[in-house]
mmCIF file of all heavy atoms, coordinates in Angstrom:
data_MODEL
# 
_entry.id   MODEL 
# 
loop_
_atom_site.group_PDB 
_atom_site.id 
_atom_site.type_symbol 
_atom_site.label_atom_id 
_atom_site.label_alt_id 
_atom_site.label_comp_id 
_atom_site.label_asym_id 
_atom_site.label_entity_id 
_atom_site.label_seq_id 
_atom_site.pdbx_PDB_ins_code 
_atom_site.Cartn_x 
_atom_site.Cartn_y 
_atom_site.Cartn_z 
_atom_site.occupancy 
_atom_site.B_iso_or_equiv 
_atom_site.pdbx_formal_charge 
_atom_site.auth_seq_id 
_atom_site.auth_comp_id 
_atom_site.auth_asym_id 
_atom_site.auth_atom_id 
_atom_site.pdbx_PDB_model_num 
ATOM 1   N N   . ILE A 1 1  ? 57.097 124.679 96.434  1.00 0.00 ? 1  ILE A N   1 
ATOM 2   C CA  . ILE A 1 1  ? 58.065 125.215 97.384  1.00 0.00 ? 1  ILE A CA  1 
ATOM 3   C C   . ILE A 1 1  ? 58.756 126.421 96.762  1.00 0.00 ? 1  ILE A C   1 
ATOM 4   O O   . ILE A 1 1  ? 59.008 127.413 97.415  1.00 0.00 ? 1  ILE A O   1 
ATOM 5   C CB  . ILE A 1 1  ? 59.093 124.134 97.759  1.00 0.00 ? 1  ILE A CB  1 
ATOM 6   C CG1 . ILE A 1 1  ? 58.398 122.978 98.459  1.00 0.00 ? 1  ILE A CG1 1 
ATOM 7   C CG2 . ILE A 1 1  ? 60.194 124.717 98.639  1.00 0.00 ? 1  ILE A CG2 1 
ATOM 8   C CD1 . ILE A 1 1  ? 59.273 121.782 98.694  1.00 0.00 ? 1  ILE A CD1 1 
ATOM 9   N N   . ALA A 1 2  ? 59.079 126.298 95.485  1.00 0.00 ? 2  ALA A N   1 
ATOM 10  C CA  . ALA A 1 2  ? 59.683 127.361 94.681  1.00 0.00 ? 2  ALA A CA  1 
ATOM 11  C C   . ALA A 1 2  ? 59.085 127.207 93.285  1.00 0.00 ? 2  ALA A C   1 
ATOM 12  O O   . ALA A 1 2  ? 58.468 126.179 92.987  1.00 0.00 ? 2  ALA A O   1 
ATOM 13  C CB  . ALA A 1 2  ? 61.199 127.215 94.653  1.00 0.00 ? 2  ALA A CB  1 
ATOM 14  N N   . PRO A 1 3  ? 59.234 128.182 92.409  1.00 0.00 ? 3  PRO A N   1 
ATOM 15  C CA  . PRO A 1 3  ? 58.671 128.047 91.061  1.00 0.00 ? 3  PRO A CA  1 
ATOM 16  C C   . PRO A 1 3  ? 59.171 126.774 90.365  1.00 0.00 ? 3  PRO A C   1 
ATOM 17  O O   . PRO A 1 3  ? 60.372 126.573 90.202  1.00 0.00 ? 3  PRO A O   1 
ATOM 18  C CB  . PRO A 1 3  ? 59.168 129.298 90.346  1.00 0.00 ? 3  PRO A CB  1 
ATOM 19  C CG  . PRO A 1 3  ? 59.398 130.293 91.436  1.00 0.00 ? 3  PRO A CG  1 
ATOM 20  C CD  . PRO A 1 3  ? 59.854 129.497 92.611  1.00 0.00 ? 3  PRO A CD  1 
ATOM 21  N N   . GLY A 1 4  ? 58.231 125.902 90.042  1.00 0.00 ? 4  GLY A N   1 
ATOM 22  C CA  . GLY A 1 4  ? 58.558 124.657 89.353  1.00 0.00 ? 4  GLY A CA  1 
ATOM 23  C C   . GLY A 1 4  ? 59.000 123.522 90.259  1.00 0.00 ? 4  GLY A C   1 
ATOM 24  O O   . GLY A 1 4  ? 59.233 122.421 89.811  1.00 0.00 ? 4  GLY A O   1 
ATOM 25  N N   . LEU A 1 5  ? 59.117 123.760 91.561  1.00 0.00 ? 5  LEU A N   1 
ATOM 26  C CA  . LEU A 1 5  ? 59.529 122.735 92.520  1.00 0.00 ? 5  LEU A CA  1 
ATOM 27  C C   . LEU A 1 5  ? 58.346 122.400 93.413  1.00 0.00 ? 5  LEU A C   1 
ATOM 28  O O   . LEU A 1 5  ? 57.948 123.193 94.267  1.00 0.00 ? 5  LEU A O   1 
ATOM 29  C CB  . LEU A 1 5  ? 60.715 123.223 93.348  1.00 0.00 ? 5  LEU A CB  1 
ATOM 30  C CG  . LEU A 1 5  ? 61.281 122.238 94.372  1.00 0.00 ? 5  LEU A CG  1 
ATOM 31  C CD1 . LEU A 1 5  ? 61.789 120.977 93.675  1.00 0.00 ? 5  LEU A CD1 1 
ATOM 32  C CD2 . LEU A 1 5  ? 62.403 122.887 95.158  1.00 0.00 ? 5  LEU A CD2 1 
ATOM 33  N N   . LEU A 1 6  ? 57.761 121.220 93.173  1.00 0.00 ? 6  LEU A N   1 
ATOM 34  C CA  . LEU A 1 6  ? 56.561 120.823 93.901  1.00 0.00 ? 6  LEU A CA  1 
ATOM 35  C C   . LEU A 1 6  ? 56.894 120.301 95.285  1.00 0.00 ? 6  LEU A C   1 
ATOM 36  O O   . LEU A 1 6  ? 57.935 119.677 95.492  1.00 0.00 ? 6  LEU A O   1 
ATOM 37  C CB  . LEU A 1 6  ? 55.802 119.748 93.118  1.00 0.00 ? 6  LEU A CB  1 
ATOM 38  C CG  . LEU A 1 6  ? 55.347 120.139 91.718  1.00 0.00 ? 6  LEU A CG  1 
ATOM 39  C CD1 . LEU A 1 6  ? 54.644 118.970 91.048  1.00 0.00 ? 6  LEU A CD1 1 
ATOM 40  C CD2 . LEU A 1 6  ? 54.450 121.354 91.756  1.00 0.00 ? 6  LEU A CD2 1 
ATOM 41  N N   . GLN A 1 7  ? 55.980 120.551 96.218  1.00 0.00 ? 7  GLN A N   1 
ATOM 42  C CA  . GLN A 1 7  ? 56.137 120.036 97.568  1.00 0.00 ? 7  GLN A CA  1 
ATOM 43  C C   . GLN A 1 7  ? 55.936 118.529 97.534  1.00 0.00 ? 7  GLN A C   1 
ATOM 44  O O   . GLN A 1 7  ? 55.032 118.027 96.875  1.00 0.00 ? 7  GLN A O   1 
ATOM 45  C CB  . GLN A 1 7  ? 55.104 120.684 98.482  1.00 0.00 ? 7  GLN A CB  1 
ATOM 46  C CG  . GLN A 1 7  ? 55.149 120.188 99.902  1.00 0.00 ? 7  GLN A CG  1 
ATOM 47  C CD  . GLN A 1 7  ? 54.114 120.893 100.760 1.00 0.00 ? 7  GLN A CD  1 
ATOM 48  O OE1 . GLN A 1 7  ? 53.673 121.982 100.440 1.00 0.00 ? 7  GLN A OE1 1 
ATOM 49  N NE2 . GLN A 1 7  ? 53.730 120.258 101.838 1.00 0.00 ? 7  GLN A NE2 1 
ATOM 50  N N   . GLY A 1 8  ? 56.743 117.801 98.244  1.00 0.00 ? 8  GLY A N   1 
ATOM 51  C CA  . GLY A 1 8  ? 56.629 116.346 98.289  1.00 0.00 ? 8  GLY A CA  1 
ATOM 52  C C   . GLY A 1 8  ? 55.431 115.904 99.112  1.00 0.00 ? 8  GLY A C   1 
ATOM 53  O O   . GLY A 1 8  ? 54.744 116.702 99.749  1.00 0.00 ? 8  GLY A O   1 
ATOM 54  N N   . TYR A 1 9  ? 55.173 114.616 99.106  1.00 0.00 ? 9  TYR A N   1 
ATOM 55  C CA  . TYR A 1 9  ? 54.015 114.095 99.816  1.00 0.00 ? 9  TYR A CA  1 
ATOM 56  C C   . TYR A 1 9  ? 54.339 113.718 101.260 1.00 0.00 ? 9  TYR A C   1 
ATOM 57  O O   . TYR A 1 9  ? 53.445 113.436 102.049 1.00 0.00 ? 9  TYR A O   1 
ATOM 58  C CB  . TYR A 1 9  ? 53.410 112.891 99.083  1.00 0.00 ? 9  TYR A CB  1 
ATOM 59  C CG  . TYR A 1 9  ? 54.356 111.734 98.908  1.00 0.00 ? 9  TYR A CG  1 
ATOM 60  C CD1 . TYR A 1 9  ? 54.447 110.738 99.868  1.00 0.00 ? 9  TYR A CD1 1 
ATOM 61  C CD2 . TYR A 1 9  ? 55.167 111.634 97.787  1.00 0.00 ? 9  TYR A CD2 1 
ATOM 62  C CE1 . TYR A 1 9  ? 55.308 109.681 99.713  1.00 0.00 ? 9  TYR A CE1 1 
ATOM 63  C CE2 . TYR A 1 9  ? 56.030 110.582 97.622  1.00 0.00 ? 9  TYR A CE2 1 
ATOM 64  C CZ  . TYR A 1 9  ? 56.101 109.606 98.592  1.00 0.00 ? 9  TYR A CZ  1 
ATOM 65  O OH  . TYR A 1 9  ? 56.968 108.562 98.428  1.00 0.00 ? 9  TYR A OH  1 
ATOM 66  N N   . LEU A 1 10 ? 55.620 113.734 101.640 1.00 0.00 ? 10 LEU A N   1 
ATOM 67  C CA  . LEU A 1 10 ? 56.000 113.418 103.011 1.00 0.00 ? 10 LEU A CA  1 
ATOM 68  C C   . LEU A 1 10 ? 56.185 114.697 103.813 1.00 0.00 ? 10 LEU A C   1 
ATOM 69  O O   . LEU A 1 10 ? 56.730 115.682 103.315 1.00 0.00 ? 10 LEU A O   1 
ATOM 70  C CB  . LEU A 1 10 ? 57.314 112.629 103.033 1.00 0.00 ? 10 LEU A CB  1 
ATOM 71  C CG  . LEU A 1 10 ? 57.301 111.245 102.395 1.00 0.00 ? 10 LEU A CG  1 
ATOM 72  C CD1 . LEU A 1 10 ? 58.693 110.644 102.411 1.00 0.00 ? 10 LEU A CD1 1 
ATOM 73  C CD2 . LEU A 1 10 ? 56.319 110.334 103.098 1.00 0.00 ? 10 LEU A CD2 1 
ATOM 74  N N   . SER A 1 11 ? 55.752 114.669 105.055 1.00 0.00 ? 11 SER A N   1 
ATOM 75  C CA  . SER A 1 11 ? 55.998 115.814 105.936 1.00 0.00 ? 11 SER A CA  1 
ATOM 76  C C   . SER A 1 11 ? 57.456 115.765 106.378 1.00 0.00 ? 11 SER A C   1 
ATOM 77  O O   . SER A 1 11 ? 58.145 114.754 106.196 1.00 0.00 ? 11 SER A O   1 
ATOM 78  C CB  . SER A 1 11 ? 55.070 115.747 107.150 1.00 0.00 ? 11 SER A CB  1 
ATOM 79  O OG  . SER A 1 11 ? 55.434 114.649 107.973 1.00 0.00 ? 11 SER A OG  1 
ATOM 80  N N   . MET A 1 12 ? 57.921 116.827 107.006 1.00 0.00 ? 12 MET A N   1 
ATOM 81  C CA  . MET A 1 12 ? 59.304 116.868 107.478 1.00 0.00 ? 12 MET A CA  1 
ATOM 82  C C   . MET A 1 12 ? 59.578 115.741 108.473 1.00 0.00 ? 12 MET A C   1 
ATOM 83  O O   . MET A 1 12 ? 60.666 115.184 108.517 1.00 0.00 ? 12 MET A O   1 
ATOM 84  C CB  . MET A 1 12 ? 59.621 118.230 108.102 1.00 0.00 ? 12 MET A CB  1 
ATOM 85  C CG  . MET A 1 12 ? 59.647 119.373 107.102 1.00 0.00 ? 12 MET A CG  1 
ATOM 86  S SD  . MET A 1 12 ? 60.855 119.133 105.775 1.00 0.00 ? 12 MET A SD  1 
ATOM 87  C CE  . MET A 1 12 ? 62.371 119.386 106.673 1.00 0.00 ? 12 MET A CE  1 
ATOM 88  N N   . GLU A 1 13 ? 58.579 115.389 109.278 1.00 0.00 ? 13 GLU A N   1 
ATOM 89  C CA  . GLU A 1 13 ? 58.744 114.321 110.266 1.00 0.00 ? 13 GLU A CA  1 
ATOM 90  C C   . GLU A 1 13 ? 58.818 112.946 109.609 1.00 0.00 ? 13 GLU A C   1 
ATOM 91  O O   . GLU A 1 13 ? 59.386 112.017 110.171 1.00 0.00 ? 13 GLU A O   1 
ATOM 92  C CB  . GLU A 1 13 ? 57.588 114.342 111.283 1.00 0.00 ? 13 GLU A CB  1 
ATOM 93  C CG  . GLU A 1 13 ? 57.547 115.588 112.149 1.00 0.00 ? 13 GLU A CG  1 
ATOM 94  C CD  . GLU A 1 13 ? 56.948 116.796 111.436 1.00 0.00 ? 13 GLU A CD  1 
ATOM 95  O OE1 . GLU A 1 13 ? 56.119 116.620 110.518 1.00 0.00 ? 13 GLU A OE1 1 
ATOM 96  O OE2 . GLU A 1 13 ? 57.323 117.927 111.795 1.00 0.00 ? 13 GLU A OE2 1 
ATOM 97  N N   . GLU A 1 14 ? 58.214 112.790 108.432 1.00 0.00 ? 14 GLU A N   1 
ATOM 98  C CA  . GLU A 1 14 ? 58.182 111.500 107.748 1.00 0.00 ? 14 GLU A CA  1 
ATOM 99  C C   . GLU A 1 14 ? 59.370 111.271 106.821 1.00 0.00 ? 14 GLU A C   1 
ATOM 100 O O   . GLU A 1 14 ? 59.568 110.154 106.349 1.00 0.00 ? 14 GLU A O   1 
ATOM 101 C CB  . GLU A 1 14 ? 56.900 111.386 106.915 1.00 0.00 ? 14 GLU A CB  1 
ATOM 102 C CG  . GLU A 1 14 ? 55.628 111.377 107.727 1.00 0.00 ? 14 GLU A CG  1 
ATOM 103 C CD  . GLU A 1 14 ? 54.391 111.453 106.851 1.00 0.00 ? 14 GLU A CD  1 
ATOM 104 O OE1 . GLU A 1 14 ? 54.341 112.325 105.964 1.00 0.00 ? 14 GLU A OE1 1 
ATOM 105 O OE2 . GLU A 1 14 ? 53.480 110.636 107.058 1.00 0.00 ? 14 GLU A OE2 1 
ATOM 106 N N   . LEU A 1 15 ? 60.156 112.300 106.558 1.00 0.00 ? 15 LEU A N   1 
ATOM 107 C CA  . LEU A 1 15 ? 61.299 112.144 105.663 1.00 0.00 ? 15 LEU A CA  1 
ATOM 108 C C   . LEU A 1 15 ? 62.291 111.142 106.250 1.00 0.00 ? 15 LEU A C   1 
ATOM 109 O O   . LEU A 1 15 ? 62.545 111.135 107.457 1.00 0.00 ? 15 LEU A O   1 
ATOM 110 C CB  . LEU A 1 15 ? 62.003 113.485 105.447 1.00 0.00 ? 15 LEU A CB  1 
ATOM 111 C CG  . LEU A 1 15 ? 61.252 114.492 104.588 1.00 0.00 ? 15 LEU A CG  1 
ATOM 112 C CD1 . LEU A 1 15 ? 61.995 115.828 104.577 1.00 0.00 ? 15 LEU A CD1 1 
ATOM 113 C CD2 . LEU A 1 15 ? 61.094 113.981 103.176 1.00 0.00 ? 15 LEU A CD2 1 
ATOM 114 N N   . PRO A 1 16 ? 62.857 110.269 105.420 1.00 0.00 ? 16 PRO A N   1 
ATOM 115 C CA  . PRO A 1 16 ? 63.831 109.302 105.939 1.00 0.00 ? 16 PRO A CA  1 
ATOM 116 C C   . PRO A 1 16 ? 65.102 110.006 106.426 1.00 0.00 ? 16 PRO A C   1 
ATOM 117 O O   . PRO A 1 16 ? 65.527 111.000 105.865 1.00 0.00 ? 16 PRO A O   1 
ATOM 118 C CB  . PRO A 1 16 ? 64.122 108.399 104.740 1.00 0.00 ? 16 PRO A CB  1 
ATOM 119 C CG  . PRO A 1 16 ? 63.545 109.055 103.563 1.00 0.00 ? 16 PRO A CG  1 
ATOM 120 C CD  . PRO A 1 16 ? 62.602 110.117 104.006 1.00 0.00 ? 16 PRO A CD  1 
ATOM 121 N N   . ASN A 1 17 ? 65.684 109.468 107.468 1.00 0.00 ? 17 ASN A N   1 
ATOM 122 C CA  . ASN A 1 17 ? 66.919 109.999 108.016 1.00 0.00 ? 17 ASN A CA  1 
ATOM 123 C C   . ASN A 1 17 ? 68.084 109.285 107.343 1.00 0.00 ? 17 ASN A C   1 
ATOM 124 O O   . ASN A 1 17 ? 68.368 108.121 107.623 1.00 0.00 ? 17 ASN A O   1 
ATOM 125 C CB  . ASN A 1 17 ? 66.955 109.777 109.539 1.00 0.00 ? 17 ASN A CB  1 
ATOM 126 C CG  . ASN A 1 17 ? 68.212 110.310 110.175 1.00 0.00 ? 17 ASN A CG  1 
ATOM 127 O OD1 . ASN A 1 17 ? 69.113 110.804 109.505 1.00 0.00 ? 17 ASN A OD1 1 
ATOM 128 N ND2 . ASN A 1 17 ? 68.281 110.199 111.489 1.00 0.00 ? 17 ASN A ND2 1 
ATOM 129 N N   . SER A 1 18 ? 68.766 109.974 106.456 1.00 0.00 ? 18 SER A N   1 
ATOM 130 C CA  . SER A 1 18 ? 69.854 109.345 105.708 1.00 0.00 ? 18 SER A CA  1 
ATOM 131 C C   . SER A 1 18 ? 71.002 108.918 106.614 1.00 0.00 ? 18 SER A C   1 
ATOM 132 O O   . SER A 1 18 ? 71.711 107.960 106.324 1.00 0.00 ? 18 SER A O   1 
ATOM 133 C CB  . SER A 1 18 ? 70.372 110.285 104.617 1.00 0.00 ? 18 SER A CB  1 
ATOM 134 O OG  . SER A 1 18 ? 70.910 111.456 105.198 1.00 0.00 ? 18 SER A OG  1 
ATOM 135 N N   . LEU A 1 19 ? 71.181 109.595 107.750 1.00 0.00 ? 19 LEU A N   1 
ATOM 136 C CA  . LEU A 1 19 ? 72.249 109.214 108.680 1.00 0.00 ? 19 LEU A CA  1 
ATOM 137 C C   . LEU A 1 19 ? 71.973 107.846 109.303 1.00 0.00 ? 19 LEU A C   1 
ATOM 138 O O   . LEU A 1 19 ? 72.903 107.118 109.659 1.00 0.00 ? 19 LEU A O   1 
ATOM 139 C CB  . LEU A 1 19 ? 72.412 110.271 109.769 1.00 0.00 ? 19 LEU A CB  1 
ATOM 140 C CG  . LEU A 1 19 ? 72.865 111.650 109.291 1.00 0.00 ? 19 LEU A CG  1 
ATOM 141 C CD1 . LEU A 1 19 ? 72.904 112.631 110.455 1.00 0.00 ? 19 LEU A CD1 1 
ATOM 142 C CD2 . LEU A 1 19 ? 74.215 111.564 108.603 1.00 0.00 ? 19 LEU A CD2 1 
ATOM 143 N N   . ALA A 1 20 ? 70.697 107.481 109.419 1.00 0.00 ? 20 ALA A N   1 
ATOM 144 C CA  . ALA A 1 20 ? 70.349 106.170 109.958 1.00 0.00 ? 20 ALA A CA  1 
ATOM 145 C C   . ALA A 1 20 ? 70.400 105.093 108.879 1.00 0.00 ? 20 ALA A C   1 
ATOM 146 O O   . ALA A 1 20 ? 70.547 103.908 109.185 1.00 0.00 ? 20 ALA A O   1 
ATOM 147 C CB  . ALA A 1 20 ? 68.957 106.212 110.579 1.00 0.00 ? 20 ALA A CB  1 
ATOM 148 N N   . LEU A 1 21 ? 70.294 105.480 107.614 1.00 0.00 ? 21 LEU A N   1 
ATOM 149 C CA  . LEU A 1 21 ? 70.243 104.514 106.515 1.00 0.00 ? 21 LEU A CA  1 
ATOM 150 C C   . LEU A 1 21 ? 71.612 104.223 105.900 1.00 0.00 ? 21 LEU A C   1 
ATOM 151 O O   . LEU A 1 21 ? 71.854 103.137 105.396 1.00 0.00 ? 21 LEU A O   1 
ATOM 152 C CB  . LEU A 1 21 ? 69.312 105.029 105.407 1.00 0.00 ? 21 LEU A CB  1 
ATOM 153 C CG  . LEU A 1 21 ? 67.857 105.236 105.804 1.00 0.00 ? 21 LEU A CG  1 
ATOM 154 C CD1 . LEU A 1 21 ? 67.099 105.923 104.671 1.00 0.00 ? 21 LEU A CD1 1 
ATOM 155 C CD2 . LEU A 1 21 ? 67.210 103.905 106.149 1.00 0.00 ? 21 LEU A CD2 1 
ATOM 156 N N   . ILE A 1 22 ? 72.493 105.201 105.919 1.00 0.00 ? 22 ILE A N   1 
ATOM 157 C CA  . ILE A 1 22 ? 73.795 105.071 105.257 1.00 0.00 ? 22 ILE A CA  1 
ATOM 158 C C   . ILE A 1 22 ? 74.878 104.945 106.322 1.00 0.00 ? 22 ILE A C   1 
ATOM 159 O O   . ILE A 1 22 ? 74.908 105.730 107.271 1.00 0.00 ? 22 ILE A O   1 
ATOM 160 C CB  . ILE A 1 22 ? 74.069 106.299 104.366 1.00 0.00 ? 22 ILE A CB  1 
ATOM 161 C CG1 . ILE A 1 22 ? 72.967 106.410 103.327 1.00 0.00 ? 22 ILE A CG1 1 
ATOM 162 C CG2 . ILE A 1 22 ? 75.431 106.218 103.709 1.00 0.00 ? 22 ILE A CG2 1 
ATOM 163 C CD1 . ILE A 1 22 ? 73.021 107.681 102.522 1.00 0.00 ? 22 ILE A CD1 1 
ATOM 164 N N   . PRO A 1 23 ? 75.767 103.965 106.184 1.00 0.00 ? 23 PRO A N   1 
ATOM 165 C CA  . PRO A 1 23 ? 76.820 103.817 107.193 1.00 0.00 ? 23 PRO A CA  1 
ATOM 166 C C   . PRO A 1 23 ? 77.795 104.997 107.146 1.00 0.00 ? 23 PRO A C   1 
ATOM 167 O O   . PRO A 1 23 ? 77.884 105.699 106.134 1.00 0.00 ? 23 PRO A O   1 
ATOM 168 C CB  . PRO A 1 23 ? 77.510 102.516 106.788 1.00 0.00 ? 23 PRO A CB  1 
ATOM 169 C CG  . PRO A 1 23 ? 77.207 102.330 105.353 1.00 0.00 ? 23 PRO A CG  1 
ATOM 170 C CD  . PRO A 1 23 ? 75.865 102.968 105.130 1.00 0.00 ? 23 PRO A CD  1 
ATOM 171 N N   . PRO A 1 24 ? 78.523 105.224 108.221 1.00 0.00 ? 24 PRO A N   1 
ATOM 172 C CA  . PRO A 1 24 ? 79.488 106.327 108.237 1.00 0.00 ? 24 PRO A CA  1 
ATOM 173 C C   . PRO A 1 24 ? 80.635 106.043 107.261 1.00 0.00 ? 24 PRO A C   1 
ATOM 174 O O   . PRO A 1 24 ? 80.849 104.893 106.858 1.00 0.00 ? 24 PRO A O   1 
ATOM 175 C CB  . PRO A 1 24 ? 79.984 106.342 109.683 1.00 0.00 ? 24 PRO A CB  1 
ATOM 176 C CG  . PRO A 1 24 ? 79.736 104.971 110.200 1.00 0.00 ? 24 PRO A CG  1 
ATOM 177 C CD  . PRO A 1 24 ? 78.527 104.475 109.470 1.00 0.00 ? 24 PRO A CD  1 
ATOM 178 N N   . PRO A 1 25 ? 81.383 107.079 106.888 1.00 0.00 ? 25 PRO A N   1 
ATOM 179 C CA  . PRO A 1 25 ? 82.517 106.852 105.981 1.00 0.00 ? 25 PRO A CA  1 
ATOM 180 C C   . PRO A 1 25 ? 83.589 106.008 106.674 1.00 0.00 ? 25 PRO A C   1 
ATOM 181 O O   . PRO A 1 25 ? 83.657 105.956 107.903 1.00 0.00 ? 25 PRO A O   1 
ATOM 182 C CB  . PRO A 1 25 ? 83.027 108.267 105.690 1.00 0.00 ? 25 PRO A CB  1 
ATOM 183 C CG  . PRO A 1 25 ? 82.532 109.104 106.807 1.00 0.00 ? 25 PRO A CG  1 
ATOM 184 C CD  . PRO A 1 25 ? 81.259 108.475 107.279 1.00 0.00 ? 25 PRO A CD  1 
ATOM 185 N N   . PRO A 1 26 ? 84.425 105.359 105.875 1.00 0.00 ? 26 PRO A N   1 
ATOM 186 C CA  . PRO A 1 26 ? 85.479 104.534 106.480 1.00 0.00 ? 26 PRO A CA  1 
ATOM 187 C C   . PRO A 1 26 ? 86.487 105.393 107.247 1.00 0.00 ? 26 PRO A C   1 
ATOM 188 O O   . PRO A 1 26 ? 86.701 106.555 106.924 1.00 0.00 ? 26 PRO A O   1 
ATOM 189 C CB  . PRO A 1 26 ? 86.124 103.839 105.284 1.00 0.00 ? 26 PRO A CB  1 
ATOM 190 C CG  . PRO A 1 26 ? 85.719 104.608 104.091 1.00 0.00 ? 26 PRO A CG  1 
ATOM 191 C CD  . PRO A 1 26 ? 84.456 105.317 104.420 1.00 0.00 ? 26 PRO A CD  1 
ATOM 192 N N   . GLU A 1 27 ? 87.091 104.811 108.246 1.00 0.00 ? 27 GLU A N   1 
ATOM 193 C CA  . GLU A 1 27 ? 88.081 105.523 109.044 1.00 0.00 ? 27 GLU A CA  1 
ATOM 194 C C   . GLU A 1 27 ? 89.355 105.736 108.245 1.00 0.00 ? 27 GLU A C   1 
ATOM 195 O O   . GLU A 1 27 ? 89.741 104.887 107.433 1.00 0.00 ? 27 GLU A O   1 
ATOM 196 C CB  . GLU A 1 27 ? 88.391 104.738 110.325 1.00 0.00 ? 27 GLU A CB  1 
ATOM 197 C CG  . GLU A 1 27 ? 87.221 104.666 111.284 1.00 0.00 ? 27 GLU A CG  1 
ATOM 198 C CD  . GLU A 1 27 ? 87.590 103.964 112.578 1.00 0.00 ? 27 GLU A CD  1 
ATOM 199 O OE1 . GLU A 1 27 ? 88.776 103.944 112.938 1.00 0.00 ? 27 GLU A OE1 1 
ATOM 200 O OE2 . GLU A 1 27 ? 86.669 103.440 113.215 1.00 0.00 ? 27 GLU A OE2 1 
ATOM 201 N N   . GLU A 1 28 ? 90.002 106.862 108.487 1.00 0.00 ? 28 GLU A N   1 
ATOM 202 C CA  . GLU A 1 28 ? 91.242 107.179 107.793 1.00 0.00 ? 28 GLU A CA  1 
ATOM 203 C C   . GLU A 1 28 ? 92.283 106.100 108.098 1.00 0.00 ? 28 GLU A C   1 
ATOM 204 O O   . GLU A 1 28 ? 92.437 105.665 109.227 1.00 0.00 ? 28 GLU A O   1 
ATOM 205 C CB  . GLU A 1 28 ? 91.760 108.553 108.244 1.00 0.00 ? 28 GLU A CB  1 
ATOM 206 C CG  . GLU A 1 28 ? 92.846 109.094 107.361 1.00 0.00 ? 28 GLU A CG  1 
ATOM 207 C CD  . GLU A 1 28 ? 93.169 110.539 107.659 1.00 0.00 ? 28 GLU A CD  1 
ATOM 208 O OE1 . GLU A 1 28 ? 92.322 111.238 108.246 1.00 0.00 ? 28 GLU A OE1 1 
ATOM 209 O OE2 . GLU A 1 28 ? 94.269 110.969 107.291 1.00 0.00 ? 28 GLU A OE2 1 
ATOM 210 N N   . GLY A 1 29 ? 92.954 105.649 107.036 1.00 0.00 ? 29 GLY A N   1 
ATOM 211 C CA  . GLY A 1 29 ? 93.966 104.603 107.170 1.00 0.00 ? 29 GLY A CA  1 
ATOM 212 C C   . GLY A 1 29 ? 93.430 103.202 106.951 1.00 0.00 ? 29 GLY A C   1 
ATOM 213 O O   . GLY A 1 29 ? 94.204 102.253 106.821 1.00 0.00 ? 29 GLY A O   1 
# 
């Protein structure tokens, strides 16, 4: 992708969605 940075084996469509895996931050207060 860049010098010394190899392209991963997952396509953009196969990358995990971190928003679906990690819960939202706690509510203020």
